[in-house]
Amino acid sequence: MEETVHNKKQWVLAAAMAALLIAASWFCVSVWRATPAMPVYGNVILAVAAFLVLMSGCGLIALMFYSHRKGYDEPARSNRTTARE
């Protein structure tokens, strides 16, 4: 019985998320059609900005993997012993 309730909750959640996706898509398309077309230089600027954002995101993720593989993310350790009096 518990599996059935869990599956129903998942289906309700999936249906709600699908409804939100459809509503957001409809809103975006309606706003897109209502606005005037962007000039060519605006499209070029938008494409360059999207490319730069994509490259910086890929670069940051690559640095994260590099840092993890080289061990820079490990906690600091010391081999020194402290002299206590």
PDB file of N, CA and C in Angstrom:
ATOM      1  N   MET A   1       0.830  -1.206   0.000  1.00  0.00           N
ATOM      2  CA  MET A   1       0.000   0.000   0.000  1.00  0.00           C
ATOM      3  C   MET A   1       0.870   1.263   0.000  1.00  0.00           C
ATOM      4  N   GLU A   2       1.975   1.197   0.740  1.00  0.00           N
ATOM      5  CA  GLU A   2       2.844   2.368   0.839  1.00  0.00           C
ATOM      6  C   GLU A   2       3.478   2.699  -0.513  1.00  0.00           C
ATOM      7  N   GLU A   3       3.827   1.671  -1.309  1.00  0.00           N
ATOM      8  CA  GLU A   3       4.384   1.906  -2.634  1.00  0.00           C
ATOM      9  C   GLU A   3       3.388   2.609  -3.543  1.00  0.00           C
ATOM     10  N   THR A   4       2.122   2.268  -3.419  1.00  0.00           N
ATOM     11  CA  THR A   4       1.085   2.897  -4.243  1.00  0.00           C
ATOM     12  C   THR A   4       0.962   4.376  -3.909  1.00  0.00           C
ATOM     13  N   VAL A   5       0.990   4.708  -2.624  1.00  0.00           N
ATOM     14  CA  VAL A   5       0.902   6.112  -2.212  1.00  0.00           C
ATOM     15  C   VAL A   5       2.129   6.859  -2.708  1.00  0.00           C
ATOM     16  N   HIS A   6       3.294   6.243  -2.598  1.00  0.00           N
ATOM     17  CA  HIS A   6       4.522   6.881  -3.053  1.00  0.00           C
ATOM     18  C   HIS A   6       4.467   7.114  -4.567  1.00  0.00           C
ATOM     19  N   ASN A   7       3.985   6.134  -5.318  1.00  0.00           N
ATOM     20  CA  ASN A   7       3.867   6.292  -6.771  1.00  0.00           C
ATOM     21  C   ASN A   7       2.853   7.365  -7.129  1.00  0.00           C
ATOM     22  N   LYS A   8       1.750   7.448  -6.388  1.00  0.00           N
ATOM     23  CA  LYS A   8       0.749   8.496  -6.655  1.00  0.00           C
ATOM     24  C   LYS A   8       1.333   9.872  -6.405  1.00  0.00           C
ATOM     25  N   LYS A   9       2.109  10.004  -5.338  1.00  0.00           N
ATOM     26  CA  LYS A   9       2.731  11.295  -5.047  1.00  0.00           C
ATOM     27  C   LYS A   9       3.717  11.674  -6.149  1.00  0.00           C
ATOM     28  N   GLN A  10       4.458  10.699  -6.657  1.00  0.00           N
ATOM     29  CA  GLN A  10       5.395  10.980  -7.741  1.00  0.00           C
ATOM     30  C   GLN A  10       4.663  11.404  -9.002  1.00  0.00           C
ATOM     31  N   TRP A  11       3.548  10.730  -9.313  1.00  0.00           N
ATOM     32  CA  TRP A  11       2.788  11.090 -10.503  1.00  0.00           C
ATOM     33  C   TRP A  11       2.171  12.476 -10.367  1.00  0.00           C
ATOM     34  N   VAL A  12       1.676  12.800  -9.174  1.00  0.00           N
ATOM     35  CA  VAL A  12       1.098  14.136  -8.959  1.00  0.00           C
ATOM     36  C   VAL A  12       2.186  15.196  -9.102  1.00  0.00           C
ATOM     37  N   LEU A  13       3.356  14.927  -8.527  1.00  0.00           N
ATOM     38  CA  LEU A  13       4.466  15.872  -8.640  1.00  0.00           C
ATOM     39  C   LEU A  13       4.907  16.025 -10.094  1.00  0.00           C
ATOM     40  N   ALA A  14       5.002  14.911 -10.820  1.00  0.00           N
ATOM     41  CA  ALA A  14       5.392  14.966 -12.229  1.00  0.00           C
ATOM     42  C   ALA A  14       4.360  15.729 -13.060  1.00  0.00           C
ATOM     43  N   ALA A  15       3.086  15.528 -12.772  1.00  0.00           N
ATOM     44  CA  ALA A  15       2.034  16.241 -13.497  1.00  0.00           C
ATOM     45  C   ALA A  15       2.091  17.742 -13.200  1.00  0.00           C
ATOM     46  N   ALA A  16       2.333  18.094 -11.935  1.00  0.00           N
ATOM     47  CA  ALA A  16       2.439  19.511 -11.578  1.00  0.00           C
ATOM     48  C   ALA A  16       3.641  20.162 -12.255  1.00  0.00           C
ATOM     49  N   MET A  17       4.766  19.467 -12.280  1.00  0.00           N
ATOM     50  CA  MET A  17       5.956  20.020 -12.932  1.00  0.00           C
ATOM     51  C   MET A  17       5.739  20.149 -14.442  1.00  0.00           C
ATOM     52  N   ALA A  18       5.068  19.183 -15.054  1.00  0.00           N
ATOM     53  CA  ALA A  18       4.774  19.264 -16.487  1.00  0.00           C
ATOM     54  C   ALA A  18       3.842  20.436 -16.778  1.00  0.00           C
ATOM     55  N   ALA A  19       2.855  20.648 -15.912  1.00  0.00           N
ATOM     56  CA  ALA A  19       1.941  21.776 -16.094  1.00  0.00           C
ATOM     57  C   ALA A  19       2.687  23.105 -15.982  1.00  0.00           C
ATOM     58  N   LEU A  20       3.609  23.202 -15.018  1.00  0.00           N
ATOM     59  CA  LEU A  20       4.404  24.422 -14.879  1.00  0.00           C
ATOM     60  C   LEU A  20       5.306  24.640 -16.098  1.00  0.00           C
ATOM     61  N   LEU A  21       5.875  23.564 -16.635  1.00  0.00           N
ATOM     62  CA  LEU A  21       6.714  23.684 -17.833  1.00  0.00           C
ATOM     63  C   LEU A  21       5.898  24.154 -19.025  1.00  0.00           C
ATOM     64  N   ILE A  22       4.709  23.611 -19.196  1.00  0.00           N
ATOM     65  CA  ILE A  22       3.843  24.018 -20.308  1.00  0.00           C
ATOM     66  C   ILE A  22       3.418  25.475 -20.156  1.00  0.00           C
ATOM     67  N   ALA A  23       3.061  25.880 -18.930  1.00  0.00           N
ATOM     68  CA  ALA A  23       2.645  27.269 -18.689  1.00  0.00           C
ATOM     69  C   ALA A  23       3.798  28.238 -18.939  1.00  0.00           C
ATOM     70  N   ALA A  24       5.000  27.891 -18.469  1.00  0.00           N
ATOM     71  CA  ALA A  24       6.153  28.761 -18.675  1.00  0.00           C
ATOM     72  C   ALA A  24       6.507  28.848 -20.156  1.00  0.00           C
ATOM     73  N   SER A  25       6.428  27.727 -20.864  1.00  0.00           N
ATOM     74  CA  SER A  25       6.718  27.734 -22.305  1.00  0.00           C
ATOM     75  C   SER A  25       5.707  28.584 -23.062  1.00  0.00           C
ATOM     76  N   TRP A  26       4.445  28.449 -22.722  1.00  0.00           N
ATOM     77  CA  TRP A  26       3.404  29.257 -23.373  1.00  0.00           C
ATOM     78  C   TRP A  26       3.650  30.737 -23.120  1.00  0.00           C
ATOM     79  N   PHE A  27       3.992  31.109 -21.895  1.00  0.00           N
ATOM     80  CA  PHE A  27       4.246  32.506 -21.560  1.00  0.00           C
ATOM     81  C   PHE A  27       5.441  33.042 -22.341  1.00  0.00           C
ATOM     82  N   CYS A  28       6.522  32.261 -22.413  1.00  0.00           N
ATOM     83  CA  CYS A  28       7.713  32.697 -23.146  1.00  0.00           C
ATOM     84  C   CYS A  28       7.415  32.911 -24.622  1.00  0.00           C
ATOM     85  N   VAL A  29       6.682  31.994 -25.225  1.00  0.00           N
ATOM     86  CA  VAL A  29       6.353  32.120 -26.649  1.00  0.00           C
ATOM     87  C   VAL A  29       5.447  33.323 -26.883  1.00  0.00           C
ATOM     88  N   SER A  30       4.478  33.557 -25.995  1.00  0.00           N
ATOM     89  CA  SER A  30       3.572  34.699 -26.179  1.00  0.00           C
ATOM     90  C   SER A  30       4.316  36.030 -26.046  1.00  0.00           C
ATOM     91  N   VAL A  31       5.261  36.117 -25.102  1.00  0.00           N
ATOM     92  CA  VAL A  31       6.051  37.343 -24.954  1.00  0.00           C
ATOM     93  C   VAL A  31       6.983  37.512 -26.143  1.00  0.00           C
ATOM     94  N   TRP A  32       7.569  36.413 -26.622  1.00  0.00           N
ATOM     95  CA  TRP A  32       8.479  36.458 -27.765  1.00  0.00           C
ATOM     96  C   TRP A  32       7.769  36.965 -29.016  1.00  0.00           C
ATOM     97  N   ARG A  33       6.543  36.516 -29.227  1.00  0.00           N
ATOM     98  CA  ARG A  33       5.791  36.961 -30.407  1.00  0.00           C
ATOM     99  C   ARG A  33       5.292  38.393 -30.276  1.00  0.00           C
ATOM    100  N   ALA A  34       5.099  38.881 -29.053  1.00  0.00           N
ATOM    101  CA  ALA A  34       4.558  40.224 -28.842  1.00  0.00           C
ATOM    102  C   ALA A  34       5.628  41.311 -28.957  1.00  0.00           C
ATOM    103  N   THR A  35       6.891  40.954 -28.835  1.00  0.00           N
ATOM    104  CA  THR A  35       7.951  41.956 -28.877  1.00  0.00           C
ATOM    105  C   THR A  35       8.485  42.109 -30.296  1.00  0.00           C
ATOM    106  N   PRO A  36       9.011  43.278 -30.627  1.00  0.00           N
ATOM    107  CA  PRO A  36       9.578  43.464 -31.974  1.00  0.00           C
ATOM    108  C   PRO A  36      10.882  42.678 -32.131  1.00  0.00           C
ATOM    109  N   ALA A  37      11.259  42.442 -33.371  1.00  0.00           N
ATOM    110  CA  ALA A  37      12.480  41.681 -33.654  1.00  0.00           C
ATOM    111  C   ALA A  37      13.707  42.459 -33.214  1.00  0.00           C
ATOM    112  N   MET A  38      14.732  41.732 -32.791  1.00  0.00           N
ATOM    113  CA  MET A  38      15.969  42.347 -32.350  1.00  0.00           C
ATOM    114  C   MET A  38      16.854  42.606 -33.567  1.00  0.00           C
ATOM    115  N   PRO A  39      17.590  43.720 -33.576  1.00  0.00           N
ATOM    116  CA  PRO A  39      18.483  43.983 -34.710  1.00  0.00           C
ATOM    117  C   PRO A  39      19.632  42.965 -34.748  1.00  0.00           C
ATOM    118  N   VAL A  40      20.335  42.923 -35.864  1.00  0.00           N
ATOM    119  CA  VAL A  40      21.399  41.937 -36.081  1.00  0.00           C
ATOM    120  C   VAL A  40      22.497  42.074 -35.036  1.00  0.00           C
ATOM    121  N   TYR A  41      22.907  43.317 -34.722  1.00  0.00           N
ATOM    122  CA  TYR A  41      23.973  43.489 -33.735  1.00  0.00           C
ATOM    123  C   TYR A  41      23.548  42.965 -32.363  1.00  0.00           C
ATOM    124  N   GLY A  42      22.267  43.039 -32.056  1.00  0.00           N
ATOM    125  CA  GLY A  42      21.779  42.485 -30.787  1.00  0.00           C
ATOM    126  C   GLY A  42      21.911  40.970 -30.752  1.00  0.00           C
ATOM    127  N   ASN A  43      21.615  40.325 -31.885  1.00  0.00           N
ATOM    128  CA  ASN A  43      21.786  38.876 -31.962  1.00  0.00           C
ATOM    129  C   ASN A  43      23.252  38.480 -31.844  1.00  0.00           C
ATOM    130  N   VAL A  44      24.135  39.278 -32.448  1.00  0.00           N
ATOM    131  CA  VAL A  44      25.567  38.988 -32.363  1.00  0.00           C
ATOM    132  C   VAL A  44      26.047  39.127 -30.925  1.00  0.00           C
ATOM    133  N   ILE A  45      25.655  40.181 -30.262  1.00  0.00           N
ATOM    134  CA  ILE A  45      26.052  40.399 -28.872  1.00  0.00           C
ATOM    135  C   ILE A  45      25.512  39.273 -27.984  1.00  0.00           C
ATOM    136  N   LEU A  46      24.271  38.885 -28.199  1.00  0.00           N
ATOM    137  CA  LEU A  46      23.677  37.795 -27.427  1.00  0.00           C
ATOM    138  C   LEU A  46      24.416  36.482 -27.652  1.00  0.00           C
ATOM    139  N   ALA A  47      24.788  36.197 -28.903  1.00  0.00           N
ATOM    140  CA  ALA A  47      25.517  34.964 -29.206  1.00  0.00           C
ATOM    141  C   ALA A  47      26.901  34.968 -28.566  1.00  0.00           C
ATOM    142  N   VAL A  48      27.601  36.101 -28.631  1.00  0.00           N
ATOM    143  CA  VAL A  48      28.930  36.193 -28.020  1.00  0.00           C
ATOM    144  C   VAL A  48      28.829  36.040 -26.508  1.00  0.00           C
ATOM    145  N   ALA A  49      27.851  36.673 -25.899  1.00  0.00           N
ATOM    146  CA  ALA A  49      27.678  36.563 -24.453  1.00  0.00           C
ATOM    147  C   ALA A  49      27.350  35.125 -24.046  1.00  0.00           C
ATOM    148  N   ALA A  50      26.483  34.462 -24.799  1.00  0.00           N
ATOM    149  CA  ALA A  50      26.143  33.073 -24.491  1.00  0.00           C
ATOM    150  C   ALA A  50      27.375  32.178 -24.613  1.00  0.00           C
ATOM    151  N   PHE A  51      28.192  32.414 -25.643  1.00  0.00           N
ATOM    152  CA  PHE A  51      29.418  31.645 -25.825  1.00  0.00           C
ATOM    153  C   PHE A  51      30.381  31.859 -24.665  1.00  0.00           C
ATOM    154  N   LEU A  52      30.566  33.109 -24.241  1.00  0.00           N
ATOM    155  CA  LEU A  52      31.480  33.403 -23.138  1.00  0.00           C
ATOM    156  C   LEU A  52      31.004  32.790 -21.829  1.00  0.00           C
ATOM    157  N   VAL A  53      29.712  32.847 -21.577  1.00  0.00           N
ATOM    158  CA  VAL A  53      29.169  32.243 -20.360  1.00  0.00           C
ATOM    159  C   VAL A  53      29.363  30.732 -20.387  1.00  0.00           C
ATOM    160  N   LEU A  54      29.120  30.122 -21.535  1.00  0.00           N
ATOM    161  CA  LEU A  54      29.306  28.677 -21.671  1.00  0.00           C
ATOM    162  C   LEU A  54      30.768  28.289 -21.472  1.00  0.00           C
ATOM    163  N   MET A  55      31.687  29.040 -22.072  1.00  0.00           N
ATOM    164  CA  MET A  55      33.110  28.731 -21.928  1.00  0.00           C
ATOM    165  C   MET A  55      33.594  28.934 -20.494  1.00  0.00           C
ATOM    166  N   SER A  56      33.148  29.991 -19.834  1.00  0.00           N
ATOM    167  CA  SER A  56      33.584  30.201 -18.453  1.00  0.00           C
ATOM    168  C   SER A  56      33.014  29.119 -17.534  1.00  0.00           C
ATOM    169  N   GLY A  57      31.787  28.698 -17.770  1.00  0.00           N
ATOM    170  CA  GLY A  57      31.220  27.613 -16.971  1.00  0.00           C
ATOM    171  C   GLY A  57      31.970  26.313 -17.183  1.00  0.00           C
ATOM    172  N   CYS A  58      32.282  25.987 -18.447  1.00  0.00           N
ATOM    173  CA  CYS A  58      33.051  24.769 -18.738  1.00  0.00           C
ATOM    174  C   CYS A  58      34.446  24.860 -18.132  1.00  0.00           C
ATOM    175  N   GLY A  59      35.050  26.023 -18.184  1.00  0.00           N
ATOM    176  CA  GLY A  59      36.378  26.199 -17.594  1.00  0.00           C
ATOM    177  C   GLY A  59      36.375  26.017 -16.092  1.00  0.00           C
ATOM    178  N   LEU A  60      35.368  26.563 -15.428  1.00  0.00           N
ATOM    179  CA  LEU A  60      35.276  26.409 -13.976  1.00  0.00           C
ATOM    180  C   LEU A  60      35.042  24.956 -13.579  1.00  0.00           C
ATOM    181  N   ILE A  61      34.227  24.251 -14.323  1.00  0.00           N
ATOM    182  CA  ILE A  61      33.994  22.838 -14.026  1.00  0.00           C
ATOM    183  C   ILE A  61      35.275  22.044 -14.277  1.00  0.00           C
ATOM    184  N   ALA A  62      36.007  22.366 -15.351  1.00  0.00           N
ATOM    185  CA  ALA A  62      37.275  21.683 -15.614  1.00  0.00           C
ATOM    186  C   ALA A  62      38.275  21.934 -14.485  1.00  0.00           C
ATOM    187  N   LEU A  63      38.339  23.172 -13.992  1.00  0.00           N
ATOM    188  CA  LEU A  63      39.223  23.468 -12.866  1.00  0.00           C
ATOM    189  C   LEU A  63      38.814  22.704 -11.613  1.00  0.00           C
ATOM    190  N   MET A  64      37.519  22.536 -11.406  1.00  0.00           N
ATOM    191  CA  MET A  64      37.041  21.780 -10.248  1.00  0.00           C
ATOM    192  C   MET A  64      37.494  20.321 -10.333  1.00  0.00           C
ATOM    193  N   PHE A  65      37.351  19.705 -11.516  1.00  0.00           N
ATOM    194  CA  PHE A  65      37.796  18.321 -11.682  1.00  0.00           C
ATOM    195  C   PHE A  65      39.311  18.211 -11.552  1.00  0.00           C
ATOM    196  N   TYR A  66      40.062  19.151 -12.123  1.00  0.00           N
ATOM    197  CA  TYR A  66      41.520  19.148 -12.022  1.00  0.00           C
ATOM    198  C   TYR A  66      41.952  19.264 -10.565  1.00  0.00           C
ATOM    199  N   SER A  67      41.331  20.182  -9.831  1.00  0.00           N
ATOM    200  CA  SER A  67      41.671  20.393  -8.437  1.00  0.00           C
ATOM    201  C   SER A  67      41.383  19.146  -7.611  1.00  0.00           C
ATOM    202  N   HIS A  68      40.274  18.511  -7.879  1.00  0.00           N
ATOM    203  CA  HIS A  68      39.917  17.301  -7.133  1.00  0.00           C
ATOM    204  C   HIS A  68      40.880  16.164  -7.455  1.00  0.00           C
ATOM    205  N   ARG A  69      41.253  16.018  -8.722  1.00  0.00           N
ATOM    206  CA  ARG A  69      42.135  14.921  -9.128  1.00  0.00           C
ATOM    207  C   ARG A  69      43.546  15.108  -8.582  1.00  0.00           C
ATOM    208  N   LYS A  70      44.025  16.332  -8.491  1.00  0.00           N
ATOM    209  CA  LYS A  70      45.368  16.596  -7.972  1.00  0.00           C
ATOM    210  C   LYS A  70      45.421  16.576  -6.442  1.00  0.00           C
ATOM    211  N   GLY A  71      44.263  16.515  -5.778  1.00  0.00           N
ATOM    212  CA  GLY A  71      44.248  16.422  -4.320  1.00  0.00           C
ATOM    213  C   GLY A  71      44.224  17.756  -3.608  1.00  0.00           C
ATOM    214  N   TYR A  72      43.950  18.828  -4.332  1.00  0.00           N
ATOM    215  CA  TYR A  72      43.923  20.149  -3.694  1.00  0.00           C
ATOM    216  C   TYR A  72      42.683  20.334  -2.805  1.00  0.00           C
ATOM    217  N   ASP A  73      41.718  19.464  -2.931  1.00  0.00           N
ATOM    218  CA  ASP A  73      40.492  19.597  -2.144  1.00  0.00           C
ATOM    219  C   ASP A  73      40.547  18.830  -0.829  1.00  0.00           C
ATOM    220  N   GLU A  74      41.659  18.151  -0.580  1.00  0.00           N
ATOM    221  CA  GLU A  74      41.782  17.379   0.656  1.00  0.00           C
ATOM    222  C   GLU A  74      41.995  18.320   1.841  1.00  0.00           C
ATOM    223  N   PRO A  75      41.581  17.889   3.031  1.00  0.00           N
ATOM    224  CA  PRO A  75      41.819  18.735   4.203  1.00  0.00           C
ATOM    225  C   PRO A  75      43.320  18.854   4.495  1.00  0.00           C
ATOM    226  N   ALA A  76      43.707  19.955   5.094  1.00  0.00           N
ATOM    227  CA  ALA A  76      45.110  20.200   5.405  1.00  0.00           C
ATOM    228  C   ALA A  76      45.581  19.254   6.508  1.00  0.00           C
ATOM    229  N   ARG A  77      46.814  18.721   6.318  1.00  0.00           N
ATOM    230  CA  ARG A  77      47.410  17.842   7.317  1.00  0.00           C
ATOM    231  C   ARG A  77      48.840  18.292   7.557  1.00  0.00           C
ATOM    232  N   SER A  78      49.313  17.994   8.726  1.00  0.00           N
ATOM    233  CA  SER A  78      50.688  18.348   9.061  1.00  0.00           C
ATOM    234  C   SER A  78      51.364  17.134   9.686  1.00  0.00           C
ATOM    235  N   ASN A  79      52.627  16.937   9.339  1.00  0.00           N
ATOM    236  CA  ASN A  79      53.403  15.845   9.920  1.00  0.00           C
ATOM    237  C   ASN A  79      54.225  16.317  11.114  1.00  0.00           C
ATOM    238  N   ARG A  80      54.182  17.593  11.406  1.00  0.00           N
ATOM    239  CA  ARG A  80      54.956  18.132  12.525  1.00  0.00           C
ATOM    240  C   ARG A  80      54.332  17.741  13.846  1.00  0.00           C
ATOM    241  N   THR A  81      55.170  17.509  14.802  1.00  0.00           N
ATOM    242  CA  THR A  81      54.681  17.267  16.175  1.00  0.00           C
ATOM    243  C   THR A  81      54.908  18.539  16.972  1.00  0.00           C
ATOM    244  N   THR A  82      53.986  18.854  17.796  1.00  0.00           N
ATOM    245  CA  THR A  82      54.100  20.072  18.594  1.00  0.00           C
ATOM    246  C   THR A  82      54.765  19.730  19.917  1.00  0.00           C
ATOM    247  N   ALA A  83      55.682  20.562  20.352  1.00  0.00           N
ATOM    248  CA  ALA A  83      56.380  20.369  21.627  1.00  0.00           C
ATOM    249  C   ALA A  83      55.549  21.005  22.728  1.00  0.00           C
ATOM    250  N   ARG A  84      55.186  20.174  23.662  1.00  0.00           N
ATOM    251  CA  ARG A  84      54.403  20.698  24.802  1.00  0.00           C
ATOM    252  C   ARG A  84      55.280  20.644  26.045  1.00  0.00           C
ATOM    253  N   GLU A  85      55.214  21.685  26.807  1.00  0.00           N
ATOM    254  CA  GLU A  85      56.041  21.738  28.015  1.00  0.00           C
ATOM    255  C   GLU A  85      55.265  21.405  29.228  1.00  0.00           C
TER     256      GLU A  85
END
